[in-house]
Amino acid sequence: MTHKEILRLSIEEMPRSYYNIAADLKIPLSPPLHPATMEPIGPEDLAPLFPMELIKQEVTQERYITIPEPVREIYSQIRPTPIYRAKRLEDFLDTGAKIYYKYEGVSPAGSHKTNTAIPQAYYNHKEGVEKLVTETGAGQWGTALSYATSFFDMELEIFMVRVSYDTKPYRKTLMKLFNDKTIVHPSPSRLTEFGNKLLDQNPNHPGSLGIAIGEAIEQTMKTGSKYSLGSVLNHVLIHQTIIGQEAKIQMNAIDNYPDIIIGCVGGGSNLAGLAYPFIKDKIEKKYDTEIIAVESEAAPKMTKGQIGYDFGDSGQMTPLLRMYSIGSDFIPPPVHAGGLRYHGLAPTLTALLEQNLVIAKAYPQVEVFDAAKIFIQTEGIIPAPESSHAIVETIKQARKIPKGTDKTILFNLSGHGYLDLLGYEEYLQGTMQDHVANATDITKSIQTIKISN
């Protein structure tokens, strides 16, 4: 039996800066628009929601942003994360590809989300913020922020998408265990005007990330606290690039630069985290790595949406972002990959898709779980349903690579699925449905995008 190949880094080798891809985009990003005036927003418009340091990171053109030492100290408890070679998966597929995965599920919260939760909590605490309000889909982000705020003795209020609140109960338990000052509400809720309106229309509303974001922002404004977001915005994606920077060092240590990089996409942060440092090389024409972004067919903003200015939330309270979207009022079907049930896409990732630096794929739920089962039985790790979207594309790519071909695939295993066993049980019982987004609903929802260009 061959030993498992594991690529590790020492704490001293952990990156000291984040990478900001906005500095290298050939076409500047379009500015966010104020929801009331439809004019470009300024820092003062974001100040009620975010601390000033995060606002600066959102708009900066600096290529590298220093990681504060207190953040690195906390990171050192969970990072650098390992890269594994999936040799048994390679053998099962009878492929010529070498398959590697960066495993972010080793973090205490179980996913990549801690990479931005920690600096967000730090910057808020540094500016005197005592309470954060946020949303969470499947619960990974809420768990990560609960973990992060515990280091700074901060309060945390979370609006969790109702379908995940009901089907992933132990996520709530984990959030409360990490931080005694954490409160978790199902979304939509009776705590906000927006939530009340939706529940009056449908008492069994499944919720969505767009709705939970709207409720969290309304509650933030009502309570005078600050808001924290787990994806989409540039400062969030910047923090995640510690993943890809580590991966470049790890792969360089074995003299192997990936030919294909794959990640799942909800808002875009985990794909960005792994891929953006490699895309920098692609922009500079040093390498021609194929970057593949994989979404759920329940929320196909990249493959069936359109580019335009749209709200980040269903309550239409956020600034409008120029992004791929299927419309902010679109309610994705209740798939188990709750973190992918989002209508929009990060503006930076939208720009990269426009410039053909990234390609998009979408898969239905059952096919994703088919791939996850293969991975479980070959690699011994239960992947999160979200991360399994990267696995299904990895398997498809590997099967196209014949023996004797020297090609390397690297994907982001962004989280574990040990708290997603209800979904796996449904899959094993044969009762799982694909829940593909309805084309008519998408067409209707897309019409709500305010400005299309």
Protein backbone atom coordinates (compact mmCIF):
# COMPACT_ATOMS: atom_id res chain seq x y z
CA MET A 1 0.00 0.00 0.00
CA THR A 2 1.34 3.43 -0.93
CA HIS A 3 1.61 6.11 1.74
CA LYS A 4 -0.65 9.14 1.40
CA GLU A 5 1.19 12.10 -0.12
CA ILE A 6 0.64 15.16 2.06
CA LEU A 7 2.09 18.60 1.33
CA ARG A 8 2.54 20.64 4.49
CA LEU A 9 3.95 24.04 5.36
CA SER A 10 5.44 25.35 8.59
CA ILE A 11 3.87 28.29 10.41
CA GLU A 12 6.88 30.38 9.36
CA GLU A 13 6.02 29.72 5.69
CA MET A 14 2.45 31.00 6.08
CA PRO A 15 1.87 34.09 3.88
CA ARG A 16 2.23 37.50 5.52
CA SER A 17 0.01 39.36 3.05
CA TYR A 18 -3.30 38.91 1.27
CA TYR A 19 -3.48 39.23 -2.52
CA ASN A 20 -5.89 41.69 -4.16
CA ILE A 21 -6.69 40.70 -7.75
CA ALA A 22 -8.30 44.10 -8.42
CA ALA A 23 -4.77 45.44 -8.85
CA ASP A 24 -4.22 43.16 -11.85
CA LEU A 25 -7.55 43.32 -13.66
CA LYS A 26 -7.13 44.77 -17.15
CA ILE A 27 -10.53 46.49 -16.94
CA PRO A 28 -11.33 48.37 -13.69
CA LEU A 29 -14.33 47.17 -11.70
CA SER A 30 -17.54 49.18 -12.01
CA PRO A 31 -18.38 51.00 -8.75
CA PRO A 32 -21.22 49.86 -6.48
CA LEU A 33 -24.33 52.04 -6.67
CA HIS A 34 -26.37 53.56 -3.86
CA PRO A 35 -29.80 51.85 -3.71
CA ALA A 36 -31.65 55.16 -3.36
CA THR A 37 -29.78 57.42 -5.79
CA MET A 38 -28.26 54.88 -8.21
CA GLU A 39 -25.05 56.93 -7.96
CA PRO A 40 -21.63 55.46 -7.06
CA ILE A 41 -21.30 55.01 -3.32
CA GLY A 42 -18.57 56.48 -1.14
CA PRO A 43 -16.96 55.28 2.10
CA GLU A 44 -19.50 57.26 4.12
CA ASP A 45 -22.31 55.15 2.62
CA LEU A 46 -20.69 51.93 3.84
CA ALA A 47 -19.64 53.25 7.25
CA PRO A 48 -22.92 52.28 9.01
CA LEU A 49 -22.27 48.64 8.05
CA PHE A 50 -18.51 48.06 8.05
CA PRO A 51 -15.42 49.25 9.93
CA MET A 52 -13.24 51.70 8.02
CA GLU A 53 -10.35 49.29 7.47
CA LEU A 54 -12.61 46.83 5.63
CA ILE A 55 -14.07 49.68 3.57
CA LYS A 56 -10.53 50.64 2.55
CA GLN A 57 -9.81 47.04 1.55
CA GLU A 58 -13.00 46.96 -0.48
CA VAL A 59 -11.88 49.79 -2.75
CA THR A 60 -8.09 49.61 -2.66
CA GLN A 61 -5.96 48.97 -5.74
CA GLU A 62 -3.00 47.85 -3.63
CA ARG A 63 -1.80 44.43 -4.78
CA TYR A 64 -0.87 43.13 -1.33
CA ILE A 65 -2.39 43.85 2.09
CA THR A 66 -0.41 42.98 5.20
CA ILE A 67 -2.01 40.40 7.49
CA PRO A 68 -2.08 41.91 11.02
CA GLU A 69 0.06 40.03 13.52
CA PRO A 70 -2.87 39.27 15.89
CA VAL A 71 -4.69 37.67 12.93
CA ARG A 72 -1.61 35.62 12.02
CA GLU A 73 -1.40 34.43 15.62
CA ILE A 74 -4.95 33.07 15.45
CA TYR A 75 -4.34 31.67 11.97
CA SER A 76 -1.35 29.77 13.36
CA GLN A 77 -3.74 27.57 15.33
CA ILE A 78 -5.37 26.32 12.13
CA ARG A 79 -3.03 27.17 9.24
CA PRO A 80 -1.26 26.43 7.00
CA THR A 81 -3.70 23.78 5.78
CA PRO A 82 -2.50 20.62 4.01
CA ILE A 83 -2.70 19.58 0.39
CA TYR A 84 -3.39 15.89 -0.16
CA ARG A 85 -2.82 13.85 -3.27
CA ALA A 86 -5.96 11.83 -4.08
CA LYS A 87 -4.03 8.74 -5.21
CA ARG A 88 -6.80 6.23 -4.50
CA LEU A 89 -9.25 8.41 -6.43
CA GLU A 90 -6.77 8.51 -9.32
CA ASP A 91 -6.53 4.71 -9.28
CA PHE A 92 -10.32 4.33 -9.14
CA LEU A 93 -10.74 6.62 -12.15
CA ASP A 94 -7.86 4.95 -14.03
CA THR A 95 -6.65 8.40 -15.02
CA GLY A 96 -3.33 9.84 -16.05
CA ALA A 97 -4.07 12.94 -13.99
CA LYS A 98 -2.46 13.73 -10.68
CA ILE A 99 -5.24 14.98 -8.40
CA TYR A 100 -4.50 17.18 -5.41
CA TYR A 101 -6.86 18.95 -3.02
CA LYS A 102 -6.33 21.77 -0.57
CA TYR A 103 -8.26 20.72 2.53
CA GLU A 104 -9.82 23.66 4.38
CA GLY A 105 -12.05 21.39 6.45
CA VAL A 106 -9.31 21.03 9.08
CA SER A 107 -10.27 24.40 10.60
CA PRO A 108 -12.27 24.31 13.87
CA ALA A 109 -15.34 25.63 12.04
CA GLY A 110 -14.90 22.96 9.36
CA SER A 111 -14.49 25.20 6.31
CA HIS A 112 -12.53 27.97 4.61
CA LYS A 113 -14.80 30.62 6.12
CA THR A 114 -12.51 31.21 9.12
CA ASN A 115 -9.99 32.83 6.76
CA THR A 116 -12.13 35.97 6.52
CA ALA A 117 -14.09 35.62 9.76
CA ILE A 118 -10.94 36.13 11.83
CA PRO A 119 -9.75 39.38 10.19
CA GLN A 120 -13.30 40.73 10.02
CA ALA A 121 -13.75 40.18 13.75
CA TYR A 122 -10.32 41.67 14.41
CA TYR A 123 -10.87 44.86 12.40
CA ASN A 124 -14.29 45.41 13.96
CA HIS A 125 -12.94 44.85 17.47
CA LYS A 126 -10.03 47.20 16.81
CA GLU A 127 -12.52 49.98 15.97
CA GLY A 128 -14.53 49.39 19.14
CA VAL A 129 -17.37 47.28 17.72
CA GLU A 130 -18.94 45.03 20.36
CA LYS A 131 -21.56 43.21 18.28
CA LEU A 132 -21.77 41.80 14.75
CA VAL A 133 -24.84 40.73 12.80
CA THR A 134 -24.63 38.33 9.89
CA GLU A 135 -26.41 35.73 7.78
CA THR A 136 -25.49 32.13 7.06
CA GLY A 137 -26.70 29.60 4.52
CA ALA A 138 -25.75 26.05 5.46
CA GLY A 139 -24.11 27.32 8.64
CA GLN A 140 -20.41 27.25 7.78
CA TRP A 141 -20.08 31.04 7.77
CA GLY A 142 -22.06 31.47 10.97
CA THR A 143 -19.90 28.84 12.65
CA ALA A 144 -16.70 30.51 11.46
CA LEU A 145 -17.76 33.96 12.66
CA SER A 146 -18.85 32.54 16.01
CA TYR A 147 -15.39 31.01 16.37
CA ALA A 148 -13.69 34.26 15.34
CA THR A 149 -15.71 36.60 17.56
CA SER A 150 -14.95 34.41 20.59
CA PHE A 151 -11.33 35.63 20.46
CA PHE A 152 -12.48 39.23 20.93
CA ASP A 153 -15.36 38.74 23.40
CA MET A 154 -17.90 40.03 20.86
CA GLU A 155 -21.64 39.40 20.59
CA LEU A 156 -22.96 37.78 17.43
CA GLU A 157 -26.47 37.61 15.96
CA ILE A 158 -27.02 35.24 13.03
CA PHE A 159 -29.90 34.88 10.57
CA MET A 160 -29.72 31.32 9.24
CA VAL A 161 -31.61 30.33 6.08
CA ARG A 162 -34.66 28.46 7.35
CA VAL A 163 -34.30 25.32 5.23
CA SER A 164 -30.78 24.86 6.62
CA TYR A 165 -31.86 25.90 10.12
CA ASP A 166 -34.31 23.00 10.07
CA THR A 167 -32.17 20.37 8.30
CA LYS A 168 -28.77 21.14 9.87
CA PRO A 169 -29.60 21.55 13.58
CA TYR A 170 -26.12 20.75 14.84
CA ARG A 171 -24.70 23.76 13.02
CA LYS A 172 -26.67 25.91 15.46
CA THR A 173 -25.22 23.91 18.34
CA LEU A 174 -21.69 24.45 17.08
CA MET A 175 -22.22 28.20 16.70
CA LYS A 176 -23.39 28.49 20.29
CA LEU A 177 -20.60 26.28 21.62
CA PHE A 178 -17.87 28.45 20.10
CA ASN A 179 -19.29 31.68 21.50
CA ASP A 180 -21.73 31.96 24.41
CA LYS A 181 -22.77 35.37 23.09
CA THR A 182 -24.18 33.94 19.84
CA ILE A 183 -27.90 34.09 18.96
CA VAL A 184 -29.24 32.21 15.92
CA HIS A 185 -32.58 32.97 14.21
CA PRO A 186 -34.26 31.14 11.34
CA SER A 187 -34.68 33.36 8.27
CA PRO A 188 -37.17 34.66 7.31
CA SER A 189 -38.02 35.63 10.88
CA ARG A 190 -40.54 37.75 12.75
CA LEU A 191 -37.77 40.05 13.98
CA THR A 192 -37.62 42.23 10.85
CA GLU A 193 -40.13 44.01 8.66
CA PHE A 194 -38.81 42.14 5.63
CA GLY A 195 -39.09 38.77 7.37
CA ASN A 196 -42.61 39.52 8.58
CA LYS A 197 -43.70 40.42 5.07
CA LEU A 198 -42.40 37.14 3.64
CA LEU A 199 -43.87 34.98 6.41
CA ASP A 200 -47.26 36.65 6.01
CA GLN A 201 -47.14 35.60 2.35
CA ASN A 202 -45.83 32.09 3.07
CA PRO A 203 -45.56 30.81 6.67
CA ASN A 204 -43.41 27.90 5.42
CA HIS A 205 -40.99 30.04 3.42
CA PRO A 206 -37.69 28.11 2.97
CA GLY A 207 -35.61 31.28 2.94
CA SER A 208 -32.52 32.09 0.90
CA LEU A 209 -29.15 33.73 1.41
CA GLY A 210 -30.48 36.89 -0.23
CA ILE A 211 -33.31 37.05 2.31
CA ALA A 212 -31.02 36.34 5.26
CA ILE A 213 -28.65 39.10 4.14
CA GLY A 214 -31.57 41.53 3.96
CA GLU A 215 -32.71 40.63 7.47
CA ALA A 216 -29.19 40.89 8.86
CA ILE A 217 -28.70 44.36 7.37
CA GLU A 218 -32.08 45.55 8.65
CA GLN A 219 -31.20 44.27 12.13
CA THR A 220 -27.76 45.90 11.92
CA MET A 221 -29.29 49.29 11.17
CA LYS A 222 -31.89 48.83 13.89
CA THR A 223 -29.43 47.88 16.64
CA GLY A 224 -26.50 50.13 15.76
CA SER A 225 -24.11 47.20 15.48
CA LYS A 226 -21.97 46.28 12.46
CA TYR A 227 -22.61 43.82 9.65
CA SER A 228 -20.33 41.01 8.52
CA LEU A 229 -20.53 39.23 5.16
CA GLY A 230 -19.08 35.83 4.27
CA SER A 231 -18.66 36.13 0.49
CA VAL A 232 -19.11 38.30 -2.64
CA LEU A 233 -17.44 41.56 -1.54
CA ASN A 234 -13.83 42.10 -2.48
CA HIS A 235 -12.43 42.40 1.04
CA VAL A 236 -13.87 38.95 1.81
CA LEU A 237 -12.25 37.40 -1.27
CA ILE A 238 -8.96 39.15 -0.49
CA HIS A 239 -8.76 37.40 2.89
CA GLN A 240 -9.41 34.02 1.30
CA THR A 241 -6.34 34.29 -0.96
CA ILE A 242 -4.22 32.91 1.85
CA ILE A 243 -5.44 29.53 0.53
CA GLY A 244 -4.00 29.93 -2.95
CA GLN A 245 -0.80 31.58 -1.77
CA GLU A 246 -0.12 28.61 0.49
CA ALA A 247 -1.03 26.23 -2.33
CA LYS A 248 1.48 27.84 -4.70
CA ILE A 249 4.27 27.31 -2.17
CA GLN A 250 3.18 23.72 -1.55
CA MET A 251 2.94 22.80 -5.23
CA ASN A 252 6.21 24.57 -5.99
CA ALA A 253 7.90 22.41 -3.36
CA ILE A 254 7.19 19.35 -5.53
CA ASP A 255 7.86 21.25 -8.77
CA ASN A 256 4.29 20.79 -9.97
CA TYR A 257 2.22 23.73 -11.23
CA PRO A 258 -1.49 22.82 -11.67
CA ASP A 259 -2.91 22.53 -15.18
CA ILE A 260 -6.50 22.72 -13.92
CA ILE A 261 -7.87 24.45 -10.79
CA ILE A 262 -11.44 23.81 -9.65
CA GLY A 263 -13.67 25.25 -6.93
CA CYS A 264 -17.36 25.45 -6.12
CA VAL A 265 -19.15 28.80 -6.29
CA GLY A 266 -21.92 30.34 -4.22
CA GLY A 267 -20.83 33.96 -4.00
CA GLY A 268 -17.29 33.17 -5.10
CA SER A 269 -15.02 33.31 -2.05
CA ASN A 270 -13.68 29.75 -1.92
CA LEU A 271 -12.87 29.55 -5.64
CA ALA A 272 -11.27 33.01 -5.41
CA GLY A 273 -9.27 31.96 -2.37
CA LEU A 274 -7.59 29.09 -4.18
CA ALA A 275 -7.54 30.40 -7.75
CA TYR A 276 -6.81 34.15 -7.61
CA PRO A 277 -3.07 33.81 -6.82
CA PHE A 278 -2.79 31.42 -9.78
CA ILE A 279 -4.92 33.67 -12.02
CA LYS A 280 -2.35 36.41 -11.39
CA ASP A 281 0.17 34.18 -13.19
CA LYS A 282 -2.36 33.58 -15.97
CA ILE A 283 -2.95 37.31 -16.44
CA GLU A 284 0.83 37.78 -16.65
CA LYS A 285 0.95 34.92 -19.20
CA LYS A 286 3.36 32.88 -17.10
CA TYR A 287 1.05 29.85 -17.15
CA ASP A 288 -2.19 28.94 -18.93
CA THR A 289 -3.96 27.09 -16.14
CA GLU A 290 -7.62 26.29 -16.75
CA ILE A 291 -9.78 27.71 -13.95
CA ILE A 292 -13.20 26.09 -13.53
CA ALA A 293 -15.96 27.56 -11.33
CA VAL A 294 -18.71 25.09 -10.43
CA GLU A 295 -22.18 26.10 -9.27
CA SER A 296 -25.41 24.35 -8.36
CA GLU A 297 -28.15 24.06 -10.96
CA ALA A 298 -30.42 25.31 -8.18
CA ALA A 299 -28.78 28.76 -8.39
CA PRO A 300 -27.15 28.99 -11.84
CA LYS A 301 -26.11 32.64 -11.93
CA MET A 302 -22.98 31.99 -14.03
CA THR A 303 -24.53 29.62 -16.57
CA LYS A 304 -28.08 30.98 -16.84
CA GLY A 305 -27.91 34.46 -15.34
CA GLN A 306 -26.93 37.78 -16.85
CA ILE A 307 -24.56 40.59 -15.97
CA GLY A 308 -26.06 43.76 -14.61
CA TYR A 309 -26.38 45.90 -11.51
CA ASP A 310 -28.33 44.03 -8.87
CA PHE A 311 -28.91 44.06 -5.14
CA GLY A 312 -26.91 41.72 -2.95
CA ASP A 313 -29.99 40.96 -0.88
CA SER A 314 -33.65 40.19 -1.53
CA GLY A 315 -34.78 43.10 0.64
CA GLN A 316 -33.06 45.57 -1.72
CA MET A 317 -31.14 47.29 1.07
CA THR A 318 -27.56 46.69 -0.08
CA PRO A 319 -25.63 48.72 -2.64
CA LEU A 320 -26.09 47.41 -6.17
CA LEU A 321 -23.14 45.47 -7.57
CA ARG A 322 -22.32 44.80 -11.20
CA MET A 323 -22.34 41.03 -11.24
CA TYR A 324 -23.72 37.88 -12.75
CA SER A 325 -27.17 37.40 -11.22
CA ILE A 326 -30.42 35.52 -11.60
CA GLY A 327 -32.25 38.34 -9.81
CA SER A 328 -32.20 39.29 -6.15
CA ASP A 329 -35.75 38.06 -5.52
CA PHE A 330 -35.06 34.58 -6.94
CA ILE A 331 -35.58 31.84 -4.34
CA PRO A 332 -33.40 28.82 -5.19
CA PRO A 333 -34.85 25.34 -4.64
CA PRO A 334 -33.95 23.79 -1.24
CA VAL A 335 -30.83 21.78 -2.12
CA HIS A 336 -28.51 20.54 0.62
CA ALA A 337 -25.66 22.76 -0.61
CA GLY A 338 -27.11 25.72 1.25
CA GLY A 339 -23.97 27.80 0.78
CA LEU A 340 -24.50 27.80 -2.99
CA ARG A 341 -28.13 29.01 -2.85
CA TYR A 342 -27.24 32.60 -3.73
CA HIS A 343 -28.47 34.65 -6.67
CA GLY A 344 -25.37 36.74 -7.38
CA LEU A 345 -21.63 36.50 -7.97
CA ALA A 346 -18.64 38.44 -6.71
CA PRO A 347 -17.87 41.39 -9.03
CA THR A 348 -14.21 40.34 -9.37
CA LEU A 349 -15.18 36.81 -10.41
CA THR A 350 -17.78 38.25 -12.78
CA ALA A 351 -15.02 40.29 -14.43
CA LEU A 352 -12.78 37.23 -14.77
CA LEU A 353 -15.57 35.26 -16.42
CA GLU A 354 -16.17 38.16 -18.82
CA GLN A 355 -12.49 38.16 -19.73
CA ASN A 356 -12.52 34.38 -20.32
CA LEU A 357 -10.00 33.78 -17.54
CA VAL A 358 -12.48 31.46 -15.78
CA ILE A 359 -15.07 29.05 -17.18
CA ALA A 360 -18.32 28.04 -15.48
CA LYS A 361 -20.07 24.71 -15.01
CA ALA A 362 -23.28 23.72 -13.19
CA TYR A 363 -24.47 20.37 -11.83
CA PRO A 364 -27.67 18.92 -10.35
CA GLN A 365 -27.75 17.66 -6.78
CA VAL A 366 -27.85 13.88 -7.28
CA GLU A 367 -24.86 13.87 -9.64
CA VAL A 368 -22.93 15.90 -7.06
CA PHE A 369 -23.69 13.36 -4.33
CA ASP A 370 -22.71 10.53 -6.68
CA ALA A 371 -19.28 12.13 -6.95
CA ALA A 372 -19.11 12.76 -3.20
CA LYS A 373 -19.72 9.06 -2.53
CA ILE A 374 -16.84 8.08 -4.81
CA PHE A 375 -14.59 10.55 -2.97
CA ILE A 376 -15.67 9.26 0.44
CA GLN A 377 -14.97 5.65 -0.50
CA THR A 378 -11.56 6.43 -2.01
CA GLU A 379 -10.23 9.27 0.16
CA GLY A 380 -12.00 8.68 3.48
CA ILE A 381 -13.23 12.26 3.96
CA ILE A 382 -16.89 13.25 3.92
CA PRO A 383 -17.03 16.46 1.86
CA ALA A 384 -19.53 19.25 2.34
CA PRO A 385 -22.26 19.24 -0.35
CA GLU A 386 -20.91 22.59 -1.55
CA SER A 387 -17.35 21.28 -1.92
CA SER A 388 -18.67 18.19 -3.70
CA HIS A 389 -19.50 20.37 -6.70
CA ALA A 390 -15.75 20.76 -7.19
CA ILE A 391 -15.34 17.00 -6.85
CA VAL A 392 -17.82 16.14 -9.61
CA GLU A 393 -16.00 18.42 -12.05
CA THR A 394 -12.63 17.05 -10.93
CA ILE A 395 -13.82 13.52 -11.70
CA LYS A 396 -15.12 14.58 -15.12
CA GLN A 397 -11.84 16.29 -15.97
CA ALA A 398 -9.74 13.37 -14.71
CA ARG A 399 -11.67 10.86 -16.78
CA LYS A 400 -10.72 12.79 -19.92
CA ILE A 401 -6.99 12.51 -19.16
CA PRO A 402 -5.50 9.22 -20.42
CA LYS A 403 -2.74 7.23 -18.74
CA GLY A 404 0.70 8.48 -19.62
CA THR A 405 -0.43 12.12 -19.73
CA ASP A 406 1.34 14.53 -17.39
CA LYS A 407 -1.50 16.73 -16.10
CA THR A 408 -2.27 17.97 -12.61
CA ILE A 409 -5.65 18.93 -11.16
CA LEU A 410 -5.89 20.96 -7.95
CA PHE A 411 -9.26 21.57 -6.31
CA ASN A 412 -10.43 23.24 -3.14
CA LEU A 413 -12.03 20.87 -0.66
CA SER A 414 -13.47 23.87 1.13
CA GLY A 415 -15.16 22.05 4.00
CA HIS A 416 -16.19 18.76 5.55
CA GLY A 417 -19.71 17.35 5.55
CA TYR A 418 -19.90 15.70 8.95
CA LEU A 419 -22.84 17.95 9.87
CA ASP A 420 -24.55 17.30 6.53
CA LEU A 421 -25.36 13.63 7.11
CA LEU A 422 -29.11 14.18 6.75
CA GLY A 423 -28.48 14.96 3.09
CA TYR A 424 -26.28 11.91 2.69
CA GLU A 425 -28.94 9.73 4.33
CA GLU A 426 -31.53 11.06 1.89
CA TYR A 427 -29.14 10.23 -0.95
CA LEU A 428 -28.55 6.68 0.31
CA GLN A 429 -32.29 6.07 0.68
CA GLY A 430 -32.83 7.08 -2.95
CA THR A 431 -35.25 9.88 -2.06
CA MET A 432 -33.00 12.80 -3.06
CA GLN A 433 -34.29 15.11 -5.80
CA ASP A 434 -32.25 17.31 -8.13
CA HIS A 435 -34.21 20.55 -7.46
CA VAL A 436 -33.08 22.33 -10.63
CA ALA A 437 -33.98 26.03 -10.84
CA ASN A 438 -37.13 26.73 -12.82
CA ALA A 439 -36.31 28.49 -16.12
CA THR A 440 -39.52 30.54 -16.05
CA ASP A 441 -38.75 31.78 -12.54
CA ILE A 442 -35.24 32.76 -13.61
CA THR A 443 -36.55 34.68 -16.63
CA LYS A 444 -39.00 36.56 -14.42
CA SER A 445 -36.46 37.29 -11.69
CA ILE A 446 -33.78 38.51 -14.10
CA GLN A 447 -36.15 41.26 -15.21
CA THR A 448 -35.75 42.86 -11.76
CA ILE A 449 -32.07 43.62 -12.39
CA LYS A 450 -31.98 47.41 -12.32
CA ILE A 451 -29.27 48.26 -14.82
CA SER A 452 -27.91 45.86 -17.41
CA ASN A 453 -24.72 46.55 -19.33
